C-alpha atoms as a PDB file:
ATOM      1  CA  UNK A   1       3.459  -7.301  22.735  1.00  0.00           C
ATOM      2  CA  UNK A   2       3.542  -5.322  25.978  1.00  0.00           C
ATOM      3  CA  UNK A   3       6.965  -3.791  26.240  1.00  0.00           C
ATOM      4  CA  UNK A   4       8.225  -4.962  29.626  1.00  0.00           C
ATOM      5  CA  UNK A   5      11.725  -4.574  30.930  1.00  0.00           C
ATOM      6  CA  UNK A   6      13.367  -7.773  32.069  1.00  0.00           C
ATOM      7  CA  UNK A   7      12.371  -8.717  35.597  1.00  0.00           C
ATOM      8  CA  UNK A   8      16.067  -9.216  36.374  1.00  0.00           C
ATOM      9  CA  UNK A   9      16.859  -5.558  35.797  1.00  0.00           C
ATOM     10  CA  UNK A  10      17.227  -3.318  38.867  1.00  0.00           C
ATOM     11  CA  UNK A  11      14.658  -0.640  39.752  1.00  0.00           C
ATOM     12  CA  UNK A  12      13.588   1.658  38.253  1.00  0.00           C
ATOM     13  CA  UNK A  13      14.222  -0.457  35.158  1.00  0.00           C
ATOM     14  CA  UNK A  14      11.417  -2.800  36.223  1.00  0.00           C
ATOM     15  CA  UNK A  15       8.954  -0.113  35.186  1.00  0.00           C
ATOM     16  CA  UNK A  16       6.625  -0.868  32.289  1.00  0.00           C
ATOM     17  CA  UNK A  17       8.188   0.744  29.223  1.00  0.00           C
ATOM     18  CA  UNK A  18       4.808   1.287  27.612  1.00  0.00           C
ATOM     19  CA  UNK A  19       3.665   3.310  30.614  1.00  0.00           C
ATOM     20  CA  UNK A  20       6.895   5.306  30.606  1.00  0.00           C
ATOM     21  CA  UNK A  21       6.689   6.043  26.889  1.00  0.00           C
ATOM     22  CA  UNK A  22       2.961   6.765  27.035  1.00  0.00           C
ATOM     23  CA  UNK A  23       3.568   9.429  29.670  1.00  0.00           C
ATOM     24  CA  UNK A  24       6.416  10.893  27.616  1.00  0.00           C
ATOM     25  CA  UNK A  25       4.167  11.125  24.538  1.00  0.00           C
ATOM     26  CA  UNK A  26       1.415  12.805  26.568  1.00  0.00           C
ATOM     27  CA  UNK A  27       3.758  15.505  27.827  1.00  0.00           C
ATOM     28  CA  UNK A  28       6.148  16.038  24.916  1.00  0.00           C
ATOM     29  CA  UNK A  29       4.628  15.169  21.533  1.00  0.00           C
ATOM     30  CA  UNK A  30       2.902  18.038  19.688  1.00  0.00           C
ATOM     31  CA  UNK A  31       3.520  20.345  22.606  1.00  0.00           C
ATOM     32  CA  UNK A  32       1.639  18.105  25.003  1.00  0.00           C
ATOM     33  CA  UNK A  33      -1.440  18.056  22.774  1.00  0.00           C
ATOM     34  CA  UNK A  34      -0.976  14.812  20.859  1.00  0.00           C
ATOM     35  CA  UNK A  35      -4.259  13.314  19.706  1.00  0.00           C
ATOM     36  CA  UNK A  36      -5.420   9.850  20.771  1.00  0.00           C
ATOM     37  CA  UNK A  37      -4.671   8.682  17.228  1.00  0.00           C
ATOM     38  CA  UNK A  38      -1.087   9.958  17.435  1.00  0.00           C
ATOM     39  CA  UNK A  39      -0.526   8.344  20.846  1.00  0.00           C
ATOM     40  CA  UNK A  40      -1.854   5.011  19.596  1.00  0.00           C
ATOM     41  CA  UNK A  41       0.298   5.237  16.460  1.00  0.00           C
ATOM     42  CA  UNK A  42       3.463   5.994  18.449  1.00  0.00           C
ATOM     43  CA  UNK A  43       2.785   3.118  20.842  1.00  0.00           C
ATOM     44  CA  UNK A  44       2.080   0.737  17.936  1.00  0.00           C
ATOM     45  CA  UNK A  45       5.434   1.573  16.338  1.00  0.00           C
ATOM     46  CA  UNK A  46       7.136   1.265  19.743  1.00  0.00           C
ATOM     47  CA  UNK A  47       5.652  -2.233  20.112  1.00  0.00           C
ATOM     48  CA  UNK A  48       6.926  -3.160  16.642  1.00  0.00           C
ATOM     49  CA  UNK A  49      10.386  -1.997  17.740  1.00  0.00           C
ATOM     50  CA  UNK A  50      10.021  -4.019  20.939  1.00  0.00           C
ATOM     51  CA  UNK A  51       9.099  -7.107  18.904  1.00  0.00           C
ATOM     52  CA  UNK A  52      12.228  -6.659  16.784  1.00  0.00           C
ATOM     53  CA  UNK A  53      14.357  -6.300  19.926  1.00  0.00           C
ATOM     54  CA  UNK A  54      12.874  -9.462  21.420  1.00  0.00           C
ATOM     55  CA  UNK A  55      13.394 -11.402  18.181  1.00  0.00           C
ATOM     56  CA  UNK A  56      17.078 -10.443  18.158  1.00  0.00           C
ATOM     57  CA  UNK A  57      17.698 -11.146  21.856  1.00  0.00           C
ATOM     58  CA  UNK A  58      17.832  -7.473  22.847  1.00  0.00           C
ATOM     59  CA  UNK A  59      15.802  -4.988  24.874  1.00  0.00           C
ATOM     60  CA  UNK A  60      15.516  -1.199  24.532  1.00  0.00           C
ATOM     61  CA  UNK A  61      17.804  -1.037  27.576  1.00  0.00           C
ATOM     62  CA  UNK A  62      20.592  -3.044  25.964  1.00  0.00           C
ATOM     63  CA  UNK A  63      20.603  -2.022  22.293  1.00  0.00           C
ATOM     64  CA  UNK A  64      23.639  -0.217  20.952  1.00  0.00           C
ATOM     65  CA  UNK A  65      23.926   2.341  18.184  1.00  0.00           C
ATOM     66  CA  UNK A  66      25.037  -0.442  15.826  1.00  0.00           C
ATOM     67  CA  UNK A  67      21.987  -2.510  16.796  1.00  0.00           C
ATOM     68  CA  UNK A  68      19.733   0.384  15.833  1.00  0.00           C
ATOM     69  CA  UNK A  69      21.486   0.763  12.493  1.00  0.00           C
ATOM     70  CA  UNK A  70      20.642  -2.911  11.938  1.00  0.00           C
ATOM     71  CA  UNK A  71      17.020  -2.150  12.855  1.00  0.00           C
ATOM     72  CA  UNK A  72      17.004   0.609  10.235  1.00  0.00           C
ATOM     73  CA  UNK A  73      18.426  -1.837   7.672  1.00  0.00           C
ATOM     74  CA  UNK A  74      15.649  -4.295   8.518  1.00  0.00           C
ATOM     75  CA  UNK A  75      13.041  -1.608   7.819  1.00  0.00           C
ATOM     76  CA  UNK A  76      14.720  -0.720   4.526  1.00  0.00           C
ATOM     77  CA  UNK A  77      14.681  -4.389   3.504  1.00  0.00           C
ATOM     78  CA  UNK A  78      10.935  -4.475   4.184  1.00  0.00           C
ATOM     79  CA  UNK A  79      10.609  -1.618   1.648  1.00  0.00           C
ATOM     80  CA  UNK A  80       8.292   0.355   3.906  1.00  0.00           C
ATOM     81  CA  UNK A  81       7.263   3.750   2.575  1.00  0.00           C
ATOM     82  CA  UNK A  82       9.480   6.751   3.262  1.00  0.00           C
ATOM     83  CA  UNK A  83       6.808   8.239   5.535  1.00  0.00           C
ATOM     84  CA  UNK A  84       6.600   5.022   7.570  1.00  0.00           C
ATOM     85  CA  UNK A  85      10.387   4.768   7.806  1.00  0.00           C
ATOM     86  CA  UNK A  86      10.635   8.353   9.063  1.00  0.00           C
ATOM     87  CA  UNK A  87       7.903   7.815  11.645  1.00  0.00           C
ATOM     88  CA  UNK A  88       9.314   4.527  12.948  1.00  0.00           C
ATOM     89  CA  UNK A  89      12.775   6.005  13.413  1.00  0.00           C
ATOM     90  CA  UNK A  90      11.283   9.108  15.040  1.00  0.00           C
ATOM     91  CA  UNK A  91       9.448   6.869  17.511  1.00  0.00           C
ATOM     92  CA  UNK A  92      12.670   4.980  18.315  1.00  0.00           C
ATOM     93  CA  UNK A  93      14.575   8.224  18.925  1.00  0.00           C
ATOM     94  CA  UNK A  94      11.811   9.589  21.154  1.00  0.00           C
ATOM     95  CA  UNK A  95      11.544   6.311  23.022  1.00  0.00           C
ATOM     96  CA  UNK A  96      15.237   6.469  23.896  1.00  0.00           C
ATOM     97  CA  UNK A  97      14.871  10.113  24.880  1.00  0.00           C
ATOM     98  CA  UNK A  98      12.131   8.962  27.271  1.00  0.00           C
ATOM     99  CA  UNK A  99      14.487   6.358  28.730  1.00  0.00           C
ATOM    100  CA  UNK A 100      17.039   9.101  29.406  1.00  0.00           C
ATOM    101  CA  UNK A 101      14.450  11.426  30.926  1.00  0.00           C
ATOM    102  CA  UNK A 102      13.252   8.696  33.291  1.00  0.00           C
ATOM    103  CA  UNK A 103      16.802   7.709  34.247  1.00  0.00           C
ATOM    104  CA  UNK A 104      16.552   4.259  32.667  1.00  0.00           C
ATOM    105  CA  UNK A 105      19.552   4.821  30.365  1.00  0.00           C
ATOM    106  CA  UNK A 106      22.363   7.328  30.618  1.00  0.00           C
ATOM    107  CA  UNK A 107      23.187   7.219  26.913  1.00  0.00           C
ATOM    108  CA  UNK A 108      21.089   7.747  23.776  1.00  0.00           C
ATOM    109  CA  UNK A 109      22.001   5.078  21.180  1.00  0.00           C
ATOM    110  CA  UNK A 110      19.356   6.284  18.697  1.00  0.00           C
ATOM    111  CA  UNK A 111      20.984   9.676  18.098  1.00  0.00           C
ATOM    112  CA  UNK A 112      21.884  10.011  14.438  1.00  0.00           C
ATOM    113  CA  UNK A 113      19.736   7.044  13.373  1.00  0.00           C
ATOM    114  CA  UNK A 114      17.692   8.749  10.670  1.00  0.00           C
ATOM    115  CA  UNK A 115      16.523   8.152   7.118  1.00  0.00           C
ATOM    116  CA  UNK A 116      19.499   7.682   4.722  1.00  0.00           C
ATOM    117  CA  UNK A 117      19.897  10.490   2.200  1.00  0.00           C
ATOM    118  CA  UNK A 118      19.925   7.918  -0.578  1.00  0.00           C
ATOM    119  CA  UNK A 119      16.447   6.631   0.342  1.00  0.00           C
ATOM    120  CA  UNK A 120      14.032   6.916  -2.556  1.00  0.00           C
ATOM    121  CA  UNK A 121      11.211   9.360  -1.812  1.00  0.00           C
ATOM    122  CA  UNK A 122       7.592   8.237  -2.009  1.00  0.00           C
ATOM    123  CA  UNK A 123       7.120  10.341  -5.146  1.00  0.00           C
ATOM    124  CA  UNK A 124      10.190   8.801  -6.789  1.00  0.00           C
ATOM    125  CA  UNK A 125       8.959   5.341  -5.857  1.00  0.00           C
ATOM    126  CA  UNK A 126       5.550   5.976  -7.437  1.00  0.00           C
ATOM    127  CA  UNK A 127       7.196   7.501 -10.533  1.00  0.00           C
ATOM    128  CA  UNK A 128       8.964   4.175 -11.147  1.00  0.00           C
ATOM    129  CA  UNK A 129       5.853   2.082 -10.581  1.00  0.00           C
ATOM    130  CA  UNK A 130       2.844   3.654 -12.270  1.00  0.00           C
ATOM    131  CA  UNK A 131       2.007   2.807 -15.884  1.00  0.00           C
ATOM    132  CA  UNK A 132       2.044   5.216 -18.800  1.00  0.00           C
ATOM    133  CA  UNK A 133      -1.237   5.910 -20.570  1.00  0.00           C
ATOM    134  CA  UNK A 134      -0.303   3.598 -23.441  1.00  0.00           C
ATOM    135  CA  UNK A 135       0.674   0.722 -21.155  1.00  0.00           C
ATOM    136  CA  UNK A 136      -2.343   1.271 -18.914  1.00  0.00           C
ATOM    137  CA  UNK A 137      -4.625   1.074 -21.936  1.00  0.00           C
ATOM    138  CA  UNK A 138      -2.789  -2.018 -23.157  1.00  0.00           C
ATOM    139  CA  UNK A 139      -3.213  -3.678 -19.770  1.00  0.00           C
ATOM    140  CA  UNK A 140      -6.930  -2.914 -19.667  1.00  0.00           C
ATOM    141  CA  UNK A 141      -7.311  -4.622 -23.053  1.00  0.00           C
ATOM    142  CA  UNK A 142      -4.916  -7.499 -22.353  1.00  0.00           C
ATOM    143  CA  UNK A 143      -7.517 -10.023 -21.086  1.00  0.00           C
ATOM    144  CA  UNK A 144      -9.724  -9.420 -24.134  1.00  0.00           C
ATOM    145  CA  UNK A 145      -6.821  -9.958 -26.521  1.00  0.00           C
ATOM    146  CA  UNK A 146      -5.377 -12.962 -24.714  1.00  0.00           C
ATOM    147  CA  UNK A 147      -5.028 -15.908 -27.081  1.00  0.00           C
ATOM    148  CA  UNK A 148      -6.983 -19.001 -26.061  1.00  0.00           C
ATOM    149  CA  UNK A 149      -4.798 -22.087 -25.736  1.00  0.00           C
ATOM    150  CA  UNK A 150      -5.557 -25.281 -27.577  1.00  0.00           C
ATOM    151  CA  UNK A 151      -8.040 -27.512 -25.789  1.00  0.00           C
ATOM    152  CA  UNK A 152     -11.609 -28.688 -25.577  1.00  0.00           C
ATOM    153  CA  UNK A 153     -14.605 -26.455 -26.122  1.00  0.00           C
ATOM    154  CA  UNK A 154     -15.162 -26.481 -22.368  1.00  0.00           C
ATOM    155  CA  UNK A 155     -11.594 -25.335 -21.744  1.00  0.00           C
ATOM    156  CA  UNK A 156     -11.995 -22.552 -24.304  1.00  0.00           C
ATOM    157  CA  UNK A 157     -15.194 -21.437 -22.625  1.00  0.00           C
ATOM    158  CA  UNK A 158     -13.586 -21.388 -19.180  1.00  0.00           C
ATOM    159  CA  UNK A 159     -10.634 -19.376 -20.493  1.00  0.00           C
ATOM    160  CA  UNK A 160     -12.976 -16.878 -22.176  1.00  0.00           C
ATOM    161  CA  UNK A 161     -14.910 -16.481 -18.918  1.00  0.00           C
ATOM    162  CA  UNK A 162     -11.669 -16.140 -16.990  1.00  0.00           C
ATOM    163  CA  UNK A 163     -10.603 -13.335 -19.322  1.00  0.00           C
ATOM    164  CA  UNK A 164     -13.830 -11.457 -18.545  1.00  0.00           C
ATOM    165  CA  UNK A 165     -13.245 -11.866 -14.817  1.00  0.00           C
ATOM    166  CA  UNK A 166      -9.698 -10.581 -15.097  1.00  0.00           C
ATOM    167  CA  UNK A 167     -10.724  -7.623 -17.244  1.00  0.00           C
ATOM    168  CA  UNK A 168     -13.232  -6.610 -14.552  1.00  0.00           C
ATOM    169  CA  UNK A 169     -10.665  -6.969 -11.762  1.00  0.00           C
ATOM    170  CA  UNK A 170      -8.106  -4.867 -13.591  1.00  0.00           C
ATOM    171  CA  UNK A 171     -10.725  -2.184 -14.284  1.00  0.00           C
ATOM    172  CA  UNK A 172     -11.718  -1.987 -10.602  1.00  0.00           C
ATOM    173  CA  UNK A 173      -8.076  -1.577  -9.558  1.00  0.00           C
ATOM    174  CA  UNK A 174      -6.865   0.780 -12.291  1.00  0.00           C
ATOM    175  CA  UNK A 175      -9.990   2.795 -13.084  1.00  0.00           C
ATOM    176  CA  UNK A 176     -11.391   3.002  -9.544  1.00  0.00           C
ATOM    177  CA  UNK A 177      -8.202   2.908  -7.428  1.00  0.00           C
ATOM    178  CA  UNK A 178      -9.097  -0.185  -5.374  1.00  0.00           C
ATOM    179  CA  UNK A 179      -6.509  -2.097  -3.335  1.00  0.00           C
ATOM    180  CA  UNK A 180      -5.931  -5.765  -4.142  1.00  0.00           C
ATOM    181  CA  UNK A 181      -7.358  -6.784  -0.758  1.00  0.00           C
ATOM    182  CA  UNK A 182     -10.451  -4.700  -1.389  1.00  0.00           C
ATOM    183  CA  UNK A 183     -10.975  -6.389  -4.757  1.00  0.00           C
ATOM    184  CA  UNK A 184     -10.718  -9.850  -3.228  1.00  0.00           C
ATOM    185  CA  UNK A 185     -13.257  -8.939  -0.509  1.00  0.00           C
ATOM    186  CA  UNK A 186     -15.993  -7.530  -2.787  1.00  0.00           C
ATOM    187  CA  UNK A 187     -19.330  -9.294  -2.364  1.00  0.00           C
ATOM    188  CA  UNK A 188     -22.059  -9.487  -4.958  1.00  0.00           C
ATOM    189  CA  UNK A 189     -24.258  -7.398  -2.681  1.00  0.00           C
ATOM    190  CA  UNK A 190     -21.633  -4.615  -2.716  1.00  0.00           C
ATOM    191  CA  UNK A 191     -22.231  -3.978  -6.422  1.00  0.00           C
ATOM    192  CA  UNK A 192     -25.116  -1.829  -7.629  1.00  0.00           C
ATOM    193  CA  UNK A 193     -25.067  -1.769 -11.421  1.00  0.00           C
ATOM    194  CA  UNK A 194     -28.184   0.376 -11.665  1.00  0.00           C
ATOM    195  CA  UNK A 195     -26.807   3.001  -9.320  1.00  0.00           C
ATOM    196  CA  UNK A 196     -23.275   2.640 -10.693  1.00  0.00           C
ATOM    197  CA  UNK A 197     -21.677   2.175  -7.277  1.00  0.00           C
ATOM    198  CA  UNK A 198     -19.420  -0.347  -5.592  1.00  0.00           C
ATOM    199  CA  UNK A 199     -18.856  -0.673  -1.853  1.00  0.00           C
ATOM    200  CA  UNK A 200     -15.207  -1.291  -0.891  1.00  0.00           C
ATOM    201  CA  UNK A 201     -13.833  -2.440   2.461  1.00  0.00           C
ATOM    202  CA  UNK A 202     -10.618  -0.587   3.147  1.00  0.00           C
ATOM    203  CA  UNK A 203      -8.022  -0.824   5.889  1.00  0.00           C
ATOM    204  CA  UNK A 204      -9.507  -1.499   9.290  1.00  0.00           C
ATOM    205  CA  UNK A 205     -12.794  -2.504   7.688  1.00  0.00           C
ATOM    206  CA  UNK A 206     -13.548   1.106   6.756  1.00  0.00           C
ATOM    207  CA  UNK A 207     -16.236   1.260   4.057  1.00  0.00           C
ATOM    208  CA  UNK A 208     -16.256   3.642   1.125  1.00  0.00           C
ATOM    209  CA  UNK A 209     -18.266   3.965  -2.072  1.00  0.00           C
ATOM    210  CA  UNK A 210     -16.639   3.836  -5.496  1.00  0.00           C
ATOM    211  CA  UNK A 211     -18.615   5.640  -8.205  1.00  0.00           C
ATOM    212  CA  UNK A 212     -18.116   3.506 -11.284  1.00  0.00           C
ATOM    213  CA  UNK A 213     -17.296   4.949 -14.693  1.00  0.00           C
ATOM    214  CA  UNK A 214     -18.751   3.372 -17.832  1.00  0.00           C
ATOM    215  CA  UNK A 215     -15.729   1.218 -18.807  1.00  0.00           C
ATOM    216  CA  UNK A 216     -15.721  -0.337 -15.328  1.00  0.00           C
ATOM    217  CA  UNK A 217     -19.469  -0.943 -15.483  1.00  0.00           C
ATOM    218  CA  UNK A 218     -19.146  -2.538 -18.920  1.00  0.00           C
ATOM    219  CA  UNK A 219     -16.384  -4.868 -17.697  1.00  0.00           C
ATOM    220  CA  UNK A 220     -18.380  -5.867 -14.616  1.00  0.00           C
ATOM    221  CA  UNK A 221     -21.540  -6.513 -16.629  1.00  0.00           C
ATOM    222  CA  UNK A 222     -19.591  -8.702 -19.059  1.00  0.00           C
ATOM    223  CA  UNK A 223     -18.215 -10.737 -16.151  1.00  0.00           C
ATOM    224  CA  UNK A 224     -21.580 -11.139 -14.443  1.00  0.00           C
ATOM    225  CA  UNK A 225     -23.082 -12.468 -17.676  1.00  0.00           C
ATOM    226  CA  UNK A 226     -20.854 -15.548 -17.485  1.00  0.00           C
ATOM    227  CA  UNK A 227     -19.997 -15.750 -13.765  1.00  0.00           C
ATOM    228  CA  UNK A 228     -20.789 -19.227 -12.390  1.00  0.00           C
ATOM    229  CA  UNK A 229     -22.790 -19.514  -9.207  1.00  0.00           C
ATOM    230  CA  UNK A 230     -20.966 -20.267  -5.981  1.00  0.00           C
ATOM    231  CA  UNK A 231     -19.499 -17.941  -3.369  1.00  0.00           C
ATOM    232  CA  UNK A 232     -21.090 -14.601  -2.558  1.00  0.00           C
ATOM    233  CA  UNK A 233     -17.761 -12.979  -3.517  1.00  0.00           C
ATOM    234  CA  UNK A 234     -17.820 -11.071  -6.791  1.00  0.00           C
ATOM    235  CA  UNK A 235     -14.547 -12.538  -8.036  1.00  0.00           C
ATOM    236  CA  UNK A 236     -14.265 -16.314  -7.841  1.00  0.00           C
ATOM    237  CA  UNK A 237     -11.888 -19.036  -8.943  1.00  0.00           C
ATOM    238  CA  UNK A 238     -12.434 -20.725 -12.301  1.00  0.00           C
ATOM    239  CA  UNK A 239     -10.024 -23.665 -12.145  1.00  0.00           C
ATOM    240  CA  UNK A 240     -11.447 -27.206 -12.308  1.00  0.00           C
ATOM    241  CA  UNK A 241     -12.242 -28.530  -8.847  1.00  0.00           C
ATOM    242  CA  UNK A 242     -12.243 -25.057  -7.309  1.00  0.00           C
ATOM    243  CA  UNK A 243     -14.744 -23.270  -9.553  1.00  0.00           C
ATOM    244  CA  UNK A 244     -16.974 -20.928  -7.587  1.00  0.00           C
ATOM    245  CA  UNK A 245     -14.672 -20.550  -4.580  1.00  0.00           C
ATOM    246  CA  UNK A 246     -13.607 -17.041  -3.497  1.00  0.00           C
ATOM    247  CA  UNK A 247     -10.559 -15.668  -5.280  1.00  0.00           C
ATOM    248  CA  UNK A 248      -8.039 -14.679  -2.620  1.00  0.00           C
ATOM    249  CA  UNK A 249      -5.473 -11.903  -2.636  1.00  0.00           C
ATOM    250  CA  UNK A 250      -2.784 -14.233  -3.969  1.00  0.00           C
ATOM    251  CA  UNK A 251      -5.085 -15.238  -6.819  1.00  0.00           C
ATOM    252  CA  UNK A 252      -5.732 -11.614  -7.789  1.00  0.00           C
ATOM    253  CA  UNK A 253      -1.999 -10.877  -7.711  1.00  0.00           C
ATOM    254  CA  UNK A 254      -1.095 -13.950  -9.728  1.00  0.00           C
ATOM    255  CA  UNK A 255      -3.658 -13.202 -12.423  1.00  0.00           C
ATOM    256  CA  UNK A 256      -2.600  -9.553 -12.662  1.00  0.00           C
ATOM    257  CA  UNK A 257       1.095 -10.433 -12.824  1.00  0.00           C
ATOM    258  CA  UNK A 258       0.430 -12.602 -15.885  1.00  0.00           C
ATOM    259  CA  UNK A 259      -0.997  -9.617 -17.748  1.00  0.00           C
ATOM    260  CA  UNK A 260       1.809  -7.321 -16.560  1.00  0.00           C
ATOM    261  CA  UNK A 261       4.223  -9.809 -18.107  1.00  0.00           C
ATOM    262  CA  UNK A 262       2.088 -10.010 -21.241  1.00  0.00           C
ATOM    263  CA  UNK A 263       2.278  -6.261 -21.882  1.00  0.00           C
ATOM    264  CA  UNK A 264       5.982  -6.138 -21.019  1.00  0.00           C
ATOM    265  CA  UNK A 265       5.941  -3.988 -17.882  1.00  0.00           C
ATOM    266  CA  UNK A 266       6.508  -6.574 -15.149  1.00  0.00           C
ATOM    267  CA  UNK A 267       9.651  -5.809 -13.152  1.00  0.00           C
ATOM    268  CA  UNK A 268      10.691  -5.328  -9.542  1.00  0.00           C
ATOM    269  CA  UNK A 269       8.220  -2.990  -7.844  1.00  0.00           C
ATOM    270  CA  UNK A 270       5.531  -3.265 -10.526  1.00  0.00           C
ATOM    271  CA  UNK A 271       2.584  -5.273  -9.218  1.00  0.00           C
ATOM    272  CA  UNK A 272      -1.133  -5.034  -8.489  1.00  0.00           C
ATOM    273  CA  UNK A 273      -0.409  -1.946  -6.400  1.00  0.00           C
ATOM    274  CA  UNK A 274       1.005  -0.260  -9.499  1.00  0.00           C
ATOM    275  CA  UNK A 275      -2.535  -0.190 -10.886  1.00  0.00           C
ATOM    276  CA  UNK A 276      -3.586   1.843  -7.857  1.00  0.00           C
ATOM    277  CA  UNK A 277      -0.632   4.197  -8.354  1.00  0.00           C
ATOM    278  CA  UNK A 278      -1.639   4.467 -12.012  1.00  0.00           C
ATOM    279  CA  UNK A 279      -5.136   5.535 -10.954  1.00  0.00           C
ATOM    280  CA  UNK A 280      -3.862   8.201  -8.539  1.00  0.00           C
ATOM    281  CA  UNK A 281      -1.240   9.611 -10.902  1.00  0.00           C
ATOM    282  CA  UNK A 282      -3.430   9.824 -13.997  1.00  0.00           C
ATOM    283  CA  UNK A 283      -6.392  11.128 -11.986  1.00  0.00           C
ATOM    284  CA  UNK A 284      -4.212  14.000 -10.799  1.00  0.00           C
ATOM    285  CA  UNK A 285      -2.826  14.531 -14.302  1.00  0.00           C
ATOM    286  CA  UNK A 286      -6.401  14.698 -15.589  1.00  0.00           C
ATOM    287  CA  UNK A 287      -7.256  17.506 -13.173  1.00  0.00           C
ATOM    288  CA  UNK A 288      -8.884  15.671 -10.233  1.00  0.00           C
ATOM    289  CA  UNK A 289      -8.469  17.408  -6.878  1.00  0.00           C
ATOM    290  CA  UNK A 290      -6.364  15.797  -4.177  1.00  0.00           C
ATOM    291  CA  UNK A 291      -9.445  15.608  -1.957  1.00  0.00           C
ATOM    292  CA  UNK A 292     -11.440  13.663  -4.571  1.00  0.00           C
ATOM    293  CA  UNK A 293      -8.486  11.294  -5.174  1.00  0.00           C
ATOM    294  CA  UNK A 294      -8.122  10.809  -1.414  1.00  0.00           C
ATOM    295  CA  UNK A 295     -11.785   9.866  -1.113  1.00  0.00           C
ATOM    296  CA  UNK A 296     -11.670   7.542  -4.117  1.00  0.00           C
ATOM    297  CA  UNK A 297      -8.568   5.747  -2.843  1.00  0.00           C
ATOM    298  CA  UNK A 298      -9.642   5.616   0.785  1.00  0.00           C
ATOM    299  CA  UNK A 299      -6.650   7.494   2.186  1.00  0.00           C
ATOM    300  CA  UNK A 300      -7.068   8.625   5.780  1.00  0.00           C
ATOM    301  CA  UNK A 301      -5.273  11.897   5.034  1.00  0.00           C
ATOM    302  CA  UNK A 302      -4.732  14.022   1.938  1.00  0.00           C
ATOM    303  CA  UNK A 303      -1.048  14.068   2.913  1.00  0.00           C
ATOM    304  CA  UNK A 304      -0.776  10.513   1.584  1.00  0.00           C
ATOM    305  CA  UNK A 305      -2.431  11.563  -1.665  1.00  0.00           C
ATOM    306  CA  UNK A 306      -0.029  14.457  -2.247  1.00  0.00           C
ATOM    307  CA  UNK A 307       2.532  12.023  -3.648  1.00  0.00           C
ATOM    308  CA  UNK A 308       0.594  11.926  -6.935  1.00  0.00           C
ATOM    309  CA  UNK A 309       0.678  15.717  -7.233  1.00  0.00           C
ATOM    310  CA  UNK A 310       4.433  15.577  -6.602  1.00  0.00           C
ATOM    311  CA  UNK A 311       4.908  13.087  -9.448  1.00  0.00           C
ATOM    312  CA  UNK A 312       2.944  15.241 -11.901  1.00  0.00           C
ATOM    313  CA  UNK A 313       4.603  18.466 -10.745  1.00  0.00           C
ATOM    314  CA  UNK A 314       8.069  16.907 -11.116  1.00  0.00           C
ATOM    315  CA  UNK A 315       7.325  16.064 -14.746  1.00  0.00           C
ATOM    316  CA  UNK A 316       5.703  19.425 -15.442  1.00  0.00           C
ATOM    317  CA  UNK A 317       8.604  21.359 -13.920  1.00  0.00           C
ATOM    318  CA  UNK A 318      11.304  19.161 -15.425  1.00  0.00           C
ATOM    319  CA  UNK A 319      14.259  21.435 -16.249  1.00  0.00           C
ATOM    320  CA  UNK A 320      15.216  19.195 -19.166  1.00  0.00           C
ATOM    321  CA  UNK A 321      12.025  20.297 -20.986  1.00  0.00           C
ATOM    322  CA  UNK A 322      13.741  23.654 -21.672  1.00  0.00           C
ATOM    323  CA  UNK A 323      16.275  21.864 -23.852  1.00  0.00           C
ATOM    324  CA  UNK A 324      13.863  20.304 -26.342  1.00  0.00           C
ATOM    325  CA  UNK A 325      14.620  22.953 -28.966  1.00  0.00           C
ATOM    326  CA  UNK A 326      18.335  22.255 -28.588  1.00  0.00           C
ATOM    327  CA  UNK A 327      17.760  18.608 -29.435  1.00  0.00           C
ATOM    328  CA  UNK A 328      15.174  19.258 -32.166  1.00  0.00           C
ATOM    329  CA  UNK A 329      17.432  18.244 -35.053  1.00  0.00           C
ATOM    330  CA  UNK A 330      19.090  15.252 -33.411  1.00  0.00           C
END
């Protein structure tokens, strides 16, 4: 959405807000040296704010401080990351500063609209969502140990094949750090068993190579041994009438949720993405560098990856550890 002021507003309010804010970013953000990426990011968040205003019958010229507190509540309800919340509110505050500078508003309703002190940090969020080593191991083995329901030989065979598919999917997410969308999009041609690599399509279509460890390779080989022909996607549906069709994101999530329930870890916030958090956290705990984790997970910046170091450091530096001797005889 192009952020336009209402045509009924008097000049200079008829100016294009995007142009006004773009000029403000160019002159004021990062000391007048904001990168193209930063400018595009600020404008994208400003458009999202403009969309919210339009959906609620407001404009950036008419919002009040209370309206902006409601906007913040809407972001909190979406459970965006702490970093995203901070950036979006920063953009809103700077946008309203730009309106003041250009004489489009005399007041500044966004002052004081910041991240609540009670907001859970990204590290705290990950700490509540990644799986312990025992539970991660249990989840990796869950498809293999899943009991086959009563039925015909054909139904037993399909369930056994389905278990192999699910074991491979879980391995790619938890042992290689793949996103659920990346798993759904994998094509047969993306997998090179001989070379031990897997091509993943990340956000924005960005490609990266996952270097597969032996357990992942074993799970993928077991799946390919029984995988029916059909779509060129690696992971396909197995239900009668749909066998061979691509398995979508919802299908990957649904299958994974069943195993999370099976091992007793399914709760609010624990989902397919928890497998990715499990990869990042345990990779850091095992000594992997932040740069190697960033590359494996397809993060655009190592800043995003630092959350896993924060989780491990918080446990390592836990003050309560100094009291273990005190509780030794309890």
